[in-house]
Protein backbone atom coordinates (compact mmCIF):
# COMPACT_ATOMS: atom_id res chain seq x y z
CA UNK A 1 68.21 -49.91 25.99
CA UNK A 2 69.14 -47.79 28.96
CA UNK A 3 72.55 -46.41 29.80
CA UNK A 4 73.70 -46.13 33.38
CA UNK A 5 74.36 -42.51 34.35
CA UNK A 6 75.65 -41.07 37.58
CA UNK A 7 72.09 -40.05 38.41
CA UNK A 8 70.66 -43.56 37.91
CA UNK A 9 69.01 -45.31 35.00
CA UNK A 10 68.05 -43.14 32.04
CA UNK A 11 67.24 -43.97 28.45
CA UNK A 12 70.06 -43.57 25.95
CA UNK A 13 70.13 -40.17 24.32
CA UNK A 14 68.57 -39.86 20.89
CA UNK A 15 70.45 -36.65 20.19
CA UNK A 16 69.81 -33.02 20.94
CA UNK A 17 66.13 -32.22 21.53
CA UNK A 18 64.94 -30.03 18.66
CA UNK A 19 63.19 -27.61 20.99
CA UNK A 20 66.55 -26.91 22.63
CA UNK A 21 68.68 -26.69 19.50
CA UNK A 22 69.80 -24.07 17.03
CA UNK A 23 70.69 -25.11 13.49
CA UNK A 24 73.73 -24.02 11.52
CA UNK A 25 74.47 -25.24 8.05
CA UNK A 26 78.02 -25.28 6.74
CA UNK A 27 79.41 -21.89 7.75
CA UNK A 28 81.14 -21.51 4.38
CA UNK A 29 77.81 -21.96 2.57
CA UNK A 30 76.12 -19.46 4.86
CA UNK A 31 78.94 -16.99 4.33
CA UNK A 32 78.47 -17.24 0.57
CA UNK A 33 74.65 -17.14 0.73
CA UNK A 34 74.53 -14.25 3.17
CA UNK A 35 77.50 -12.43 1.62
CA UNK A 36 78.35 -11.25 5.08
CA UNK A 37 81.22 -9.10 6.13
CA UNK A 38 81.85 -6.68 8.90
CA UNK A 39 79.90 -3.92 7.15
CA UNK A 40 77.09 -6.01 5.64
CA UNK A 41 73.97 -6.26 7.77
CA UNK A 42 72.04 -9.52 7.99
CA UNK A 43 68.25 -9.46 7.93
CA UNK A 44 65.95 -10.93 10.58
CA UNK A 45 64.94 -13.67 8.11
CA UNK A 46 68.55 -14.85 7.95
CA UNK A 47 68.96 -14.87 11.73
CA UNK A 48 65.68 -16.75 12.19
CA UNK A 49 67.06 -19.46 9.89
CA UNK A 50 69.24 -20.51 12.84
CA UNK A 51 66.28 -20.72 15.22
CA UNK A 52 63.68 -22.20 12.82
CA UNK A 53 65.44 -23.47 9.66
CA UNK A 54 62.87 -23.13 6.88
CA UNK A 55 63.95 -26.32 5.11
CA UNK A 56 63.03 -28.32 8.25
CA UNK A 57 60.52 -26.12 10.08
CA UNK A 58 58.94 -24.06 7.31
CA UNK A 59 55.70 -23.18 9.16
CA UNK A 60 57.52 -22.20 12.37
CA UNK A 61 59.90 -20.09 10.30
CA UNK A 62 57.04 -18.28 8.54
CA UNK A 63 55.18 -17.58 11.79
CA UNK A 64 58.33 -16.39 13.59
CA UNK A 65 59.33 -14.18 10.66
CA UNK A 66 55.94 -12.45 10.57
CA UNK A 67 55.80 -12.18 14.36
CA UNK A 68 59.28 -10.68 14.71
CA UNK A 69 58.53 -8.16 11.94
CA UNK A 70 55.46 -7.01 13.90
CA UNK A 71 57.29 -7.01 17.23
CA UNK A 72 60.18 -4.95 15.88
CA UNK A 73 57.71 -2.49 14.39
CA UNK A 74 55.68 -2.13 17.60
CA UNK A 75 58.46 -2.88 20.17
CA UNK A 76 55.82 -4.10 22.65
CA UNK A 77 52.88 -6.41 22.09
CA UNK A 78 50.05 -7.15 24.48
CA UNK A 79 47.99 -10.32 24.48
CA UNK A 80 45.16 -8.75 22.47
CA UNK A 81 47.58 -7.64 19.75
CA UNK A 82 49.15 -11.11 19.57
CA UNK A 83 45.69 -12.67 19.34
CA UNK A 84 44.76 -10.31 16.49
CA UNK A 85 48.04 -11.11 14.73
CA UNK A 86 47.36 -14.85 14.94
CA UNK A 87 43.74 -14.49 13.75
CA UNK A 88 44.58 -12.07 10.92
CA UNK A 89 47.31 -14.37 9.59
CA UNK A 90 45.42 -17.61 10.27
CA UNK A 91 48.29 -18.90 12.45
CA UNK A 92 47.70 -21.57 15.07
CA UNK A 93 47.47 -20.20 18.60
CA UNK A 94 48.76 -23.51 20.00
CA UNK A 95 51.78 -23.51 17.66
CA UNK A 96 52.60 -19.94 18.56
CA UNK A 97 52.27 -20.29 22.34
CA UNK A 98 53.67 -23.86 22.61
CA UNK A 99 56.53 -23.71 20.10
CA UNK A 100 57.32 -20.29 18.59
CA UNK A 101 57.17 -18.01 21.63
CA UNK A 102 58.94 -20.42 24.03
CA UNK A 103 61.86 -20.93 21.64
CA UNK A 104 62.20 -17.21 20.84
CA UNK A 105 62.23 -16.60 24.60
CA UNK A 106 64.72 -19.43 25.31
CA UNK A 107 67.22 -18.20 22.71
CA UNK A 108 66.94 -14.64 24.03
CA UNK A 109 65.24 -12.93 21.08
CA UNK A 110 62.15 -11.92 23.05
CA UNK A 111 61.29 -11.34 26.67
CA UNK A 112 57.90 -11.65 28.26
CA UNK A 113 56.51 -10.10 31.38
CA UNK A 114 53.24 -9.83 33.17
CA UNK A 115 51.89 -6.37 33.86
CA UNK A 116 49.36 -6.06 36.67
CA UNK A 117 46.25 -4.00 36.14
CA UNK A 118 42.86 -3.49 37.81
CA UNK A 119 39.42 -3.36 36.29
CA UNK A 120 37.53 -0.34 37.57
CA UNK A 121 34.62 -2.53 38.74
CA UNK A 122 36.70 -5.29 40.31
CA UNK A 123 39.04 -5.59 43.25
CA UNK A 124 40.59 -8.74 41.77
CA UNK A 125 44.12 -8.50 40.36
CA UNK A 126 44.46 -9.04 36.61
CA UNK A 127 47.60 -9.58 34.58
CA UNK A 128 48.38 -8.65 31.02
CA UNK A 129 51.15 -10.49 29.13
CA UNK A 130 53.63 -8.24 27.35
CA UNK A 131 56.19 -9.34 24.75
CA UNK A 132 59.22 -7.21 23.88
CA UNK A 133 62.31 -7.78 21.74
CA UNK A 134 65.42 -8.75 23.71
CA UNK A 135 69.12 -8.39 23.01
CA UNK A 136 70.15 -11.42 25.08
CA UNK A 137 70.57 -13.46 21.87
CA UNK A 138 73.11 -11.02 20.46
CA UNK A 139 74.86 -10.48 23.79
CA UNK A 140 75.32 -14.21 24.30
CA UNK A 141 76.57 -14.95 20.78
CA UNK A 142 78.74 -11.83 20.75
CA UNK A 143 80.36 -12.97 24.00
CA UNK A 144 80.75 -16.52 22.66
CA UNK A 145 82.41 -15.20 19.48
CA UNK A 146 84.77 -12.88 21.39
CA UNK A 147 85.80 -15.67 23.77
CA UNK A 148 86.45 -18.11 20.92
CA UNK A 149 88.53 -15.52 19.10
CA UNK A 150 90.49 -14.87 22.31
CA UNK A 151 91.16 -18.61 22.75
CA UNK A 152 92.46 -18.90 19.16
CA UNK A 153 94.61 -15.75 19.47
CA UNK A 154 96.03 -16.99 22.80
CA UNK A 155 96.90 -20.36 21.22
CA UNK A 156 98.65 -18.57 18.34
CA UNK A 157 100.57 -16.33 20.77
CA UNK A 158 101.65 -19.34 22.84
CA UNK A 159 102.78 -21.21 19.70
CA UNK A 160 104.71 -18.16 18.55
CA UNK A 161 106.34 -17.81 21.99
CA UNK A 162 107.42 -21.47 21.90
CA UNK A 163 108.96 -20.99 18.44
CA UNK A 164 110.79 -17.86 19.60
CA UNK A 165 112.03 -19.65 22.74
CA UNK A 166 113.31 -22.51 20.59
CA UNK A 167 115.23 -20.08 18.35
CA UNK A 168 116.89 -18.48 21.40
CA UNK A 169 118.01 -21.84 22.78
CA UNK A 170 119.92 -22.73 19.62
């Protein structure tokens, strides 16, 4: 059954596409499991649970966990290094390049670039893919958290001001 949208006929939504979603369990459960606080550091494995929850995407989680460990150790990976990583760990190249890397890039945990180079015997341009860790994930969620906190604090301040105004009018 199709729903009419402002842009024309489109099929009814079946929910959020998994390739575009992050997963959060009950925050209270995560708080207890992670035992987080302002001075307690989370590990990469815990953060990757949001991107590839192991109870639903166990293989993706395992590949991403191993890949991010290598990337954070090296800080820059070239195509040959990624290929060796996939071969050495018997990970699917298609899964990595079609699922893992695109999602890590979309959520801002990695960035990719193409570096141009020349072979000494060729005049043709060649490109080498480079993968680096990115802080866009943390910047985005840090900003989101600060803005939400500001909204809540503003609502509390407004409510307090209304109560104080009511007391003065009596």
